[in-house]
C-alpha atoms as a PDB file:
ATOM      1  CA  UNK A   1      15.143 -14.876 -11.249  1.00  0.00           C
ATOM      2  CA  UNK A   2      16.796 -11.993  -9.418  1.00  0.00           C
ATOM      3  CA  UNK A   3      15.181 -11.086  -6.114  1.00  0.00           C
ATOM      4  CA  UNK A   4      13.965  -7.476  -6.059  1.00  0.00           C
ATOM      5  CA  UNK A   5      12.624  -5.755  -2.941  1.00  0.00           C
ATOM      6  CA  UNK A   6      11.616  -2.181  -2.253  1.00  0.00           C
ATOM      7  CA  UNK A   7      11.073   0.296   0.549  1.00  0.00           C
ATOM      8  CA  UNK A   8       8.220   2.680  -0.237  1.00  0.00           C
ATOM      9  CA  UNK A   9       7.612   5.315   2.458  1.00  0.00           C
ATOM     10  CA  UNK A  10       5.230   8.249   2.187  1.00  0.00           C
ATOM     11  CA  UNK A  11       6.846  11.628   2.906  1.00  0.00           C
ATOM     12  CA  UNK A  12       4.262  12.684   5.477  1.00  0.00           C
ATOM     13  CA  UNK A  13       6.626  12.819   8.462  1.00  0.00           C
ATOM     14  CA  UNK A  14       9.937  11.600   9.836  1.00  0.00           C
ATOM     15  CA  UNK A  15      10.914   7.926   9.886  1.00  0.00           C
ATOM     16  CA  UNK A  16      10.792   6.006  13.187  1.00  0.00           C
ATOM     17  CA  UNK A  17      12.106   2.644  14.408  1.00  0.00           C
ATOM     18  CA  UNK A  18       9.304   0.749  12.692  1.00  0.00           C
ATOM     19  CA  UNK A  19      10.304   2.220   9.341  1.00  0.00           C
ATOM     20  CA  UNK A  20      13.956   1.420  10.026  1.00  0.00           C
ATOM     21  CA  UNK A  21      13.104  -2.209  10.785  1.00  0.00           C
ATOM     22  CA  UNK A  22      11.070  -2.586   7.579  1.00  0.00           C
ATOM     23  CA  UNK A  23      13.704  -0.901   5.402  1.00  0.00           C
ATOM     24  CA  UNK A  24      16.501  -2.992   6.905  1.00  0.00           C
ATOM     25  CA  UNK A  25      14.497  -6.203   6.479  1.00  0.00           C
ATOM     26  CA  UNK A  26      13.900  -5.525   2.774  1.00  0.00           C
ATOM     27  CA  UNK A  27      17.466  -4.315   2.209  1.00  0.00           C
ATOM     28  CA  UNK A  28      19.013  -7.347   3.901  1.00  0.00           C
ATOM     29  CA  UNK A  29      16.783  -9.750   1.933  1.00  0.00           C
ATOM     30  CA  UNK A  30      17.939  -8.221  -1.359  1.00  0.00           C
ATOM     31  CA  UNK A  31      21.609  -7.983  -0.475  1.00  0.00           C
ATOM     32  CA  UNK A  32      21.748 -11.532   0.961  1.00  0.00           C
ATOM     33  CA  UNK A  33      20.340 -12.898  -2.299  1.00  0.00           C
ATOM     34  CA  UNK A  34      22.532 -10.750  -4.540  1.00  0.00           C
ATOM     35  CA  UNK A  35      19.411  -8.964  -5.699  1.00  0.00           C
ATOM     36  CA  UNK A  36      18.215  -5.378  -6.016  1.00  0.00           C
ATOM     37  CA  UNK A  37      16.783  -3.001  -3.422  1.00  0.00           C
ATOM     38  CA  UNK A  38      14.633  -0.146  -4.719  1.00  0.00           C
ATOM     39  CA  UNK A  39      13.535   3.069  -3.070  1.00  0.00           C
ATOM     40  CA  UNK A  40      10.131   4.487  -3.990  1.00  0.00           C
ATOM     41  CA  UNK A  41       8.596   7.672  -2.585  1.00  0.00           C
ATOM     42  CA  UNK A  42       4.820   7.294  -2.429  1.00  0.00           C
ATOM     43  CA  UNK A  43       3.862  10.957  -2.541  1.00  0.00           C
ATOM     44  CA  UNK A  44       0.518  10.875  -4.328  1.00  0.00           C
ATOM     45  CA  UNK A  45      -1.296  12.742  -1.535  1.00  0.00           C
ATOM     46  CA  UNK A  46      -0.614  16.448  -2.179  1.00  0.00           C
ATOM     47  CA  UNK A  47      -2.304  17.500   1.068  1.00  0.00           C
ATOM     48  CA  UNK A  48       0.082  15.588   3.362  1.00  0.00           C
ATOM     49  CA  UNK A  49       3.328  14.935   1.488  1.00  0.00           C
ATOM     50  CA  UNK A  50       6.166  17.448   1.818  1.00  0.00           C
ATOM     51  CA  UNK A  51       9.543  17.781   0.023  1.00  0.00           C
ATOM     52  CA  UNK A  52      11.286  18.330   3.352  1.00  0.00           C
ATOM     53  CA  UNK A  53      10.012  14.964   4.576  1.00  0.00           C
ATOM     54  CA  UNK A  54      11.387  13.269   1.464  1.00  0.00           C
ATOM     55  CA  UNK A  55      14.776  14.880   2.076  1.00  0.00           C
ATOM     56  CA  UNK A  56      14.641  13.635   5.657  1.00  0.00           C
ATOM     57  CA  UNK A  57      13.857  10.081   4.486  1.00  0.00           C
ATOM     58  CA  UNK A  58      16.964  10.059   2.280  1.00  0.00           C
ATOM     59  CA  UNK A  59      19.028  11.413   5.167  1.00  0.00           C
ATOM     60  CA  UNK A  60      17.715   8.774   7.590  1.00  0.00           C
ATOM     61  CA  UNK A  61      18.333   5.870   5.193  1.00  0.00           C
ATOM     62  CA  UNK A  62      21.863   7.059   4.488  1.00  0.00           C
ATOM     63  CA  UNK A  63      22.486   7.303   8.251  1.00  0.00           C
ATOM     64  CA  UNK A  64      21.273   3.708   8.636  1.00  0.00           C
ATOM     65  CA  UNK A  65      23.849   2.659   6.058  1.00  0.00           C
ATOM     66  CA  UNK A  66      21.383   1.669   3.344  1.00  0.00           C
ATOM     67  CA  UNK A  67      21.885   2.136  -0.372  1.00  0.00           C
ATOM     68  CA  UNK A  68      19.523   1.438  -3.239  1.00  0.00           C
ATOM     69  CA  UNK A  69      19.732   0.440  -6.871  1.00  0.00           C
ATOM     70  CA  UNK A  70      18.739   2.821  -9.614  1.00  0.00           C
ATOM     71  CA  UNK A  71      16.999   6.171  -9.276  1.00  0.00           C
ATOM     72  CA  UNK A  72      14.334   6.906  -6.693  1.00  0.00           C
ATOM     73  CA  UNK A  73      10.835   6.602  -8.159  1.00  0.00           C
ATOM     74  CA  UNK A  74       8.527   9.410  -7.057  1.00  0.00           C
ATOM     75  CA  UNK A  75       4.897   8.590  -7.690  1.00  0.00           C
ATOM     76  CA  UNK A  76       3.969  12.249  -8.152  1.00  0.00           C
ATOM     77  CA  UNK A  77       6.083  12.233 -11.324  1.00  0.00           C
ATOM     78  CA  UNK A  78       4.022   9.464 -12.892  1.00  0.00           C
ATOM     79  CA  UNK A  79       0.394  10.480 -12.543  1.00  0.00           C
ATOM     80  CA  UNK A  80      -0.181   9.924 -16.261  1.00  0.00           C
ATOM     81  CA  UNK A  81       0.767   6.249 -15.820  1.00  0.00           C
ATOM     82  CA  UNK A  82      -1.885   5.756 -13.167  1.00  0.00           C
ATOM     83  CA  UNK A  83      -4.466   7.756 -15.123  1.00  0.00           C
ATOM     84  CA  UNK A  84      -3.984   5.366 -18.059  1.00  0.00           C
ATOM     85  CA  UNK A  85      -4.755   2.374 -15.823  1.00  0.00           C
ATOM     86  CA  UNK A  86      -7.847   4.099 -14.426  1.00  0.00           C
ATOM     87  CA  UNK A  87      -8.992   4.847 -17.976  1.00  0.00           C
ATOM     88  CA  UNK A  88      -8.517   1.199 -18.960  1.00  0.00           C
ATOM     89  CA  UNK A  89     -10.557  -0.023 -16.000  1.00  0.00           C
ATOM     90  CA  UNK A  90     -13.295   2.513 -16.769  1.00  0.00           C
ATOM     91  CA  UNK A  91     -13.395   1.352 -20.383  1.00  0.00           C
ATOM     92  CA  UNK A  92     -13.976  -2.201 -19.158  1.00  0.00           C
ATOM     93  CA  UNK A  93     -16.854  -1.012 -16.988  1.00  0.00           C
ATOM     94  CA  UNK A  94     -15.172  -2.080 -13.754  1.00  0.00           C
ATOM     95  CA  UNK A  95     -15.333   1.291 -11.980  1.00  0.00           C
ATOM     96  CA  UNK A  96     -18.228   3.461 -10.870  1.00  0.00           C
ATOM     97  CA  UNK A  97     -18.552   6.980  -9.537  1.00  0.00           C
ATOM     98  CA  UNK A  98     -19.223   7.189  -5.817  1.00  0.00           C
ATOM     99  CA  UNK A  99     -20.213  10.454  -4.156  1.00  0.00           C
ATOM    100  CA  UNK A 100     -20.429   8.925  -0.681  1.00  0.00           C
ATOM    101  CA  UNK A 101     -17.871  10.068   1.861  1.00  0.00           C
ATOM    102  CA  UNK A 102     -15.993   7.762   4.207  1.00  0.00           C
ATOM    103  CA  UNK A 103     -18.310   8.972   6.953  1.00  0.00           C
ATOM    104  CA  UNK A 104     -21.340   8.009   4.858  1.00  0.00           C
ATOM    105  CA  UNK A 105     -19.951   4.491   4.359  1.00  0.00           C
ATOM    106  CA  UNK A 106     -19.205   4.027   8.057  1.00  0.00           C
ATOM    107  CA  UNK A 107     -22.638   5.285   9.025  1.00  0.00           C
ATOM    108  CA  UNK A 108     -24.265   2.808   6.647  1.00  0.00           C
ATOM    109  CA  UNK A 109     -22.521  -0.183   8.200  1.00  0.00           C
ATOM    110  CA  UNK A 110     -24.882  -0.297  11.149  1.00  0.00           C
ATOM    111  CA  UNK A 111     -27.924  -0.094   8.872  1.00  0.00           C
ATOM    112  CA  UNK A 112     -26.879  -2.742   6.349  1.00  0.00           C
ATOM    113  CA  UNK A 113     -29.368  -5.635   6.651  1.00  0.00           C
ATOM    114  CA  UNK A 114     -26.824  -8.228   5.511  1.00  0.00           C
ATOM    115  CA  UNK A 115     -23.867  -7.032   7.562  1.00  0.00           C
ATOM    116  CA  UNK A 116     -20.910  -4.639   7.193  1.00  0.00           C
ATOM    117  CA  UNK A 117     -19.673  -6.095   3.899  1.00  0.00           C
ATOM    118  CA  UNK A 118     -22.869  -4.965   2.193  1.00  0.00           C
ATOM    119  CA  UNK A 119     -22.208  -1.363   3.242  1.00  0.00           C
ATOM    120  CA  UNK A 120     -18.643  -1.622   1.917  1.00  0.00           C
ATOM    121  CA  UNK A 121     -20.097  -2.426  -1.507  1.00  0.00           C
ATOM    122  CA  UNK A 122     -22.453   0.529  -1.951  1.00  0.00           C
ATOM    123  CA  UNK A 123     -22.693   0.164  -5.727  1.00  0.00           C
ATOM    124  CA  UNK A 124     -23.421   2.876  -8.294  1.00  0.00           C
ATOM    125  CA  UNK A 125     -25.872   5.651  -7.556  1.00  0.00           C
ATOM    126  CA  UNK A 126     -29.172   5.554  -9.437  1.00  0.00           C
ATOM    127  CA  UNK A 127     -28.695   7.323 -12.810  1.00  0.00           C
ATOM    128  CA  UNK A 128     -30.949  10.253 -11.875  1.00  0.00           C
ATOM    129  CA  UNK A 129     -29.134  10.802  -8.603  1.00  0.00           C
ATOM    130  CA  UNK A 130     -25.726  10.567 -10.253  1.00  0.00           C
ATOM    131  CA  UNK A 131     -26.718  13.086 -12.915  1.00  0.00           C
ATOM    132  CA  UNK A 132     -28.012  15.480 -10.269  1.00  0.00           C
ATOM    133  CA  UNK A 133     -24.801  15.216  -8.227  1.00  0.00           C
ATOM    134  CA  UNK A 134     -22.650  15.735 -11.321  1.00  0.00           C
ATOM    135  CA  UNK A 135     -24.644  18.843 -12.230  1.00  0.00           C
ATOM    136  CA  UNK A 136     -23.988  20.200  -8.729  1.00  0.00           C
ATOM    137  CA  UNK A 137     -20.263  19.593  -9.154  1.00  0.00           C
ATOM    138  CA  UNK A 138     -20.165  17.267  -6.170  1.00  0.00           C
ATOM    139  CA  UNK A 139     -16.853  15.513  -5.482  1.00  0.00           C
ATOM    140  CA  UNK A 140     -16.682  11.805  -6.222  1.00  0.00           C
ATOM    141  CA  UNK A 141     -14.272   8.893  -6.235  1.00  0.00           C
ATOM    142  CA  UNK A 142     -13.957   5.979  -8.622  1.00  0.00           C
ATOM    143  CA  UNK A 143     -14.631   2.659  -6.881  1.00  0.00           C
ATOM    144  CA  UNK A 144     -13.800  -0.806  -8.151  1.00  0.00           C
ATOM    145  CA  UNK A 145     -16.985  -2.868  -8.404  1.00  0.00           C
ATOM    146  CA  UNK A 146     -16.407  -6.326  -6.938  1.00  0.00           C
ATOM    147  CA  UNK A 147     -19.555  -7.555  -8.645  1.00  0.00           C
ATOM    148  CA  UNK A 148     -18.326  -6.468 -12.069  1.00  0.00           C
ATOM    149  CA  UNK A 149     -14.770  -7.673 -11.403  1.00  0.00           C
ATOM    150  CA  UNK A 150     -16.072 -11.100 -10.463  1.00  0.00           C
ATOM    151  CA  UNK A 151     -18.143 -11.286 -13.613  1.00  0.00           C
ATOM    152  CA  UNK A 152     -15.193 -10.170 -15.750  1.00  0.00           C
ATOM    153  CA  UNK A 153     -12.846 -12.798 -14.305  1.00  0.00           C
ATOM    154  CA  UNK A 154     -15.322 -15.661 -14.123  1.00  0.00           C
ATOM    155  CA  UNK A 155     -16.015 -17.865 -11.119  1.00  0.00           C
ATOM    156  CA  UNK A 156     -13.025 -20.172 -11.575  1.00  0.00           C
ATOM    157  CA  UNK A 157     -10.470 -17.359 -11.752  1.00  0.00           C
ATOM    158  CA  UNK A 158     -12.173 -15.472  -8.924  1.00  0.00           C
ATOM    159  CA  UNK A 159     -12.118 -18.466  -6.599  1.00  0.00           C
ATOM    160  CA  UNK A 160      -8.602 -19.456  -7.632  1.00  0.00           C
ATOM    161  CA  UNK A 161      -6.800 -16.238  -6.719  1.00  0.00           C
ATOM    162  CA  UNK A 162      -3.997 -16.792  -4.199  1.00  0.00           C
ATOM    163  CA  UNK A 163      -0.744 -15.238  -3.029  1.00  0.00           C
ATOM    164  CA  UNK A 164       2.437 -16.678  -1.572  1.00  0.00           C
ATOM    165  CA  UNK A 165       3.132 -15.519   1.986  1.00  0.00           C
ATOM    166  CA  UNK A 166       6.772 -16.014   2.985  1.00  0.00           C
ATOM    167  CA  UNK A 167       6.288 -14.273   6.330  1.00  0.00           C
ATOM    168  CA  UNK A 168       3.337 -14.432   8.687  1.00  0.00           C
ATOM    169  CA  UNK A 169      -0.063 -12.796   8.613  1.00  0.00           C
ATOM    170  CA  UNK A 170      -1.883 -11.553  11.724  1.00  0.00           C
ATOM    171  CA  UNK A 171      -3.387 -15.009  12.282  1.00  0.00           C
ATOM    172  CA  UNK A 172      -0.216 -16.894  11.391  1.00  0.00           C
ATOM    173  CA  UNK A 173      -1.081 -17.180   7.689  1.00  0.00           C
ATOM    174  CA  UNK A 174       1.846 -18.667   5.757  1.00  0.00           C
ATOM    175  CA  UNK A 175       2.396 -20.307   2.403  1.00  0.00           C
ATOM    176  CA  UNK A 176      -0.354 -20.209  -0.208  1.00  0.00           C
ATOM    177  CA  UNK A 177      -3.151 -17.907   0.964  1.00  0.00           C
ATOM    178  CA  UNK A 178      -6.562 -17.703  -0.722  1.00  0.00           C
ATOM    179  CA  UNK A 179      -7.544 -14.185  -1.746  1.00  0.00           C
ATOM    180  CA  UNK A 180     -10.589 -12.594  -0.097  1.00  0.00           C
ATOM    181  CA  UNK A 181     -11.196  -9.335  -2.020  1.00  0.00           C
ATOM    182  CA  UNK A 182     -14.729  -9.043  -0.639  1.00  0.00           C
ATOM    183  CA  UNK A 183     -13.344  -8.241   2.812  1.00  0.00           C
ATOM    184  CA  UNK A 184     -12.456  -4.677   1.774  1.00  0.00           C
ATOM    185  CA  UNK A 185     -15.537  -4.069  -0.359  1.00  0.00           C
ATOM    186  CA  UNK A 186     -15.575  -1.774  -3.385  1.00  0.00           C
ATOM    187  CA  UNK A 187     -12.289   0.026  -2.764  1.00  0.00           C
ATOM    188  CA  UNK A 188     -11.518   3.519  -4.045  1.00  0.00           C
ATOM    189  CA  UNK A 189      -8.953   3.495  -6.852  1.00  0.00           C
ATOM    190  CA  UNK A 190      -9.025   7.167  -7.786  1.00  0.00           C
ATOM    191  CA  UNK A 191      -9.835  10.359  -5.918  1.00  0.00           C
ATOM    192  CA  UNK A 192     -10.491  13.890  -7.008  1.00  0.00           C
ATOM    193  CA  UNK A 193      -7.582  15.323  -4.979  1.00  0.00           C
ATOM    194  CA  UNK A 194      -4.828  12.751  -5.626  1.00  0.00           C
ATOM    195  CA  UNK A 195      -6.055  11.281  -8.922  1.00  0.00           C
ATOM    196  CA  UNK A 196      -5.042   7.784  -7.842  1.00  0.00           C
ATOM    197  CA  UNK A 197      -5.377   5.831  -4.621  1.00  0.00           C
ATOM    198  CA  UNK A 198      -2.777   3.719  -2.831  1.00  0.00           C
ATOM    199  CA  UNK A 199      -3.899   0.248  -3.936  1.00  0.00           C
ATOM    200  CA  UNK A 200      -3.655   1.010  -7.632  1.00  0.00           C
ATOM    201  CA  UNK A 201      -0.430   3.032  -7.490  1.00  0.00           C
ATOM    202  CA  UNK A 202       1.450   0.438  -5.444  1.00  0.00           C
ATOM    203  CA  UNK A 203       0.433  -2.537  -7.584  1.00  0.00           C
ATOM    204  CA  UNK A 204       1.247  -0.640 -10.778  1.00  0.00           C
ATOM    205  CA  UNK A 205       4.701   0.302  -9.538  1.00  0.00           C
ATOM    206  CA  UNK A 206       5.525  -3.148  -8.176  1.00  0.00           C
ATOM    207  CA  UNK A 207       4.726  -4.605 -11.604  1.00  0.00           C
ATOM    208  CA  UNK A 208       6.549  -1.883 -13.525  1.00  0.00           C
ATOM    209  CA  UNK A 209       9.678  -2.088 -11.377  1.00  0.00           C
ATOM    210  CA  UNK A 210       9.821  -5.868 -11.366  1.00  0.00           C
ATOM    211  CA  UNK A 211       9.451  -6.242  -7.612  1.00  0.00           C
ATOM    212  CA  UNK A 212       9.576  -9.969  -6.849  1.00  0.00           C
ATOM    213  CA  UNK A 213       9.233  -9.806  -3.054  1.00  0.00           C
ATOM    214  CA  UNK A 214       7.105  -7.261  -1.202  1.00  0.00           C
ATOM    215  CA  UNK A 215       8.551  -6.957   2.299  1.00  0.00           C
ATOM    216  CA  UNK A 216       6.367  -4.894   4.627  1.00  0.00           C
ATOM    217  CA  UNK A 217       4.663  -4.760   8.012  1.00  0.00           C
ATOM    218  CA  UNK A 218       1.940  -7.150   9.087  1.00  0.00           C
ATOM    219  CA  UNK A 219      -0.506  -4.238   9.308  1.00  0.00           C
ATOM    220  CA  UNK A 220      -0.663  -4.278   5.489  1.00  0.00           C
ATOM    221  CA  UNK A 221      -1.481  -7.974   5.207  1.00  0.00           C
ATOM    222  CA  UNK A 222      -5.189  -7.396   4.477  1.00  0.00           C
ATOM    223  CA  UNK A 223      -4.317  -4.950   1.705  1.00  0.00           C
ATOM    224  CA  UNK A 224      -2.758  -7.856  -0.186  1.00  0.00           C
ATOM    225  CA  UNK A 225      -6.197  -9.294  -0.967  1.00  0.00           C
ATOM    226  CA  UNK A 226      -7.285  -6.172  -2.843  1.00  0.00           C
ATOM    227  CA  UNK A 227      -3.928  -5.761  -4.527  1.00  0.00           C
ATOM    228  CA  UNK A 228      -3.966  -9.330  -5.826  1.00  0.00           C
ATOM    229  CA  UNK A 229      -7.358  -8.654  -7.372  1.00  0.00           C
ATOM    230  CA  UNK A 230      -6.008  -5.587  -9.174  1.00  0.00           C
ATOM    231  CA  UNK A 231      -2.977  -7.549 -10.370  1.00  0.00           C
ATOM    232  CA  UNK A 232      -5.240 -10.276 -11.708  1.00  0.00           C
ATOM    233  CA  UNK A 233      -7.530  -7.832 -13.502  1.00  0.00           C
ATOM    234  CA  UNK A 234      -4.566  -6.059 -15.103  1.00  0.00           C
ATOM    235  CA  UNK A 235      -2.563  -9.183 -15.927  1.00  0.00           C
ATOM    236  CA  UNK A 236       0.318  -8.038 -13.734  1.00  0.00           C
ATOM    237  CA  UNK A 237       2.664 -10.557 -12.072  1.00  0.00           C
ATOM    238  CA  UNK A 238       2.120 -11.550  -8.459  1.00  0.00           C
ATOM    239  CA  UNK A 239       5.125 -10.979  -6.194  1.00  0.00           C
ATOM    240  CA  UNK A 240       5.846 -13.067  -3.130  1.00  0.00           C
ATOM    241  CA  UNK A 241       4.764 -11.296   0.042  1.00  0.00           C
ATOM    242  CA  UNK A 242       6.698 -11.282   3.278  1.00  0.00           C
ATOM    243  CA  UNK A 243       4.852  -9.549   6.090  1.00  0.00           C
ATOM    244  CA  UNK A 244       7.009  -9.027   9.142  1.00  0.00           C
ATOM    245  CA  UNK A 245       6.243  -8.356  12.784  1.00  0.00           C
ATOM    246  CA  UNK A 246       5.451  -4.841  13.955  1.00  0.00           C
ATOM    247  CA  UNK A 247       7.723  -3.094  16.408  1.00  0.00           C
ATOM    248  CA  UNK A 248       6.143  -1.697  19.541  1.00  0.00           C
ATOM    249  CA  UNK A 249       7.256   0.949  21.983  1.00  0.00           C
ATOM    250  CA  UNK A 250       7.519   0.764  25.782  1.00  0.00           C
ATOM    251  CA  UNK A 251       3.759   1.335  26.011  1.00  0.00           C
ATOM    252  CA  UNK A 252       3.069  -1.753  23.884  1.00  0.00           C
ATOM    253  CA  UNK A 253       1.696   0.262  20.974  1.00  0.00           C
ATOM    254  CA  UNK A 254       3.204  -0.106  17.524  1.00  0.00           C
ATOM    255  CA  UNK A 255       5.325   2.731  16.237  1.00  0.00           C
ATOM    256  CA  UNK A 256       3.280   5.121  14.099  1.00  0.00           C
ATOM    257  CA  UNK A 257       3.622   8.652  12.779  1.00  0.00           C
ATOM    258  CA  UNK A 258       0.233   9.637  14.095  1.00  0.00           C
ATOM    259  CA  UNK A 259       1.294   8.716  17.638  1.00  0.00           C
ATOM    260  CA  UNK A 260       4.367  10.927  17.342  1.00  0.00           C
ATOM    261  CA  UNK A 261       6.708   7.987  17.861  1.00  0.00           C
ATOM    262  CA  UNK A 262      10.345   8.849  18.504  1.00  0.00           C
ATOM    263  CA  UNK A 263      11.945   9.532  15.139  1.00  0.00           C
ATOM    264  CA  UNK A 264      15.345   8.491  13.843  1.00  0.00           C
ATOM    265  CA  UNK A 265      16.349  12.152  13.799  1.00  0.00           C
ATOM    266  CA  UNK A 266      15.507  12.424  17.490  1.00  0.00           C
ATOM    267  CA  UNK A 267      17.512   9.294  18.243  1.00  0.00           C
ATOM    268  CA  UNK A 268      20.507  10.819  16.459  1.00  0.00           C
ATOM    269  CA  UNK A 269      20.113  14.002  18.477  1.00  0.00           C
ATOM    270  CA  UNK A 270      20.153  11.884  21.639  1.00  0.00           C
ATOM    271  CA  UNK A 271      23.508  10.439  20.610  1.00  0.00           C
ATOM    272  CA  UNK A 272      22.257   7.022  19.460  1.00  0.00           C
ATOM    273  CA  UNK A 273      24.503   5.653  16.730  1.00  0.00           C
ATOM    274  CA  UNK A 274      23.231   3.882  13.625  1.00  0.00           C
ATOM    275  CA  UNK A 275      25.259   0.828  14.629  1.00  0.00           C
ATOM    276  CA  UNK A 276      23.553   0.728  18.035  1.00  0.00           C
ATOM    277  CA  UNK A 277      20.080   1.060  16.490  1.00  0.00           C
ATOM    278  CA  UNK A 278      20.781  -1.653  13.927  1.00  0.00           C
ATOM    279  CA  UNK A 279      21.930  -3.958  16.713  1.00  0.00           C
ATOM    280  CA  UNK A 280      18.807  -3.180  18.756  1.00  0.00           C
ATOM    281  CA  UNK A 281      16.657  -4.074  15.747  1.00  0.00           C
ATOM    282  CA  UNK A 282      18.556  -7.312  15.151  1.00  0.00           C
ATOM    283  CA  UNK A 283      20.738  -6.203  12.240  1.00  0.00           C
ATOM    284  CA  UNK A 284      24.125  -5.967  13.891  1.00  0.00           C
ATOM    285  CA  UNK A 285      25.812  -7.395  10.773  1.00  0.00           C
ATOM    286  CA  UNK A 286      24.817  -4.417   8.611  1.00  0.00           C
ATOM    287  CA  UNK A 287      27.585  -2.029   7.669  1.00  0.00           C
END
C-alpha cells in the first residue's frame, strides 16, 4: 500500500512556523516512503477564508521547497459532495436540528445534573418547540446524535472502535487507541452558513483522496475520536494517525494565528532563508 499524507490548511491567515513544521513532517513522511503528498485547502468557512490567504499558502510552501502530487483540492468546490453525505445521515435518522448556540451549550454545562457531557448531548428539541422555531426562521445546525449512532452500530461495534496512533497523544497515547466519541458530545456536522462542518468534510476528503496517514498537530488528537465515529458510520477506511508535538514561541505558547504569531512571510522579510528555517525545525536534509 502506498503511503499518502496531506497538508490541509485553512486560508484564514498567513502560515507560521507551526504550519511549516506540520507540512514538512507530512511531506518528509511521504517522500521517505516513496508515497504521495497532497495539498488540500479547507475553505468551507466563507466568513473567514480569503483567496489572498490561499495564494499566500502556495507561496509559502513553494518557498519552503515543498511540492505536492496532483491538483489542489479546494473544499469550497465540492459542497455538493458533503451535502450528499449529510442527506444520507439524515435519511438514516442520525442527525437532528439544533437551534442552540455555542453560548447556550456552554451555559448549560454548569446546570447539567450529570456533568458536562450531558450538556454536550442536548438532544432534539421537543416537536412543538422545533416547529415554532422553524416557523420563525431561526438558524439551526445539524448535530450527530450519539444515542442514535450507538443504536445504529450496535454495542459491539461501538465498543470496538479504535485507531492506530503512530505518534503521541497529549497523554502519551500510542499504538491502538480506543475511541471515545462521547467526549465531544453531539457534534455539529452541518451549519447554515458553511453547509458542512470540519469533522465531516475532513473525514470525507481523507477517504476520497485515499489518505493513509494523517499527520497533524497534537492539538487535534481529540478530534480523532469523533472522526473515527463518522468513518465507521459511513463505512470509510481508517487512516493511521500521527500526531506530532506542537511548536512553541519564546513565551512558551504554541504558535497560532489568533495570537498573531510571526508568519513565514515576516521571516522572509527579515532575511531568514528557507534553508535556515528548515534546519531550525529539524529538517536540514530537505532541498
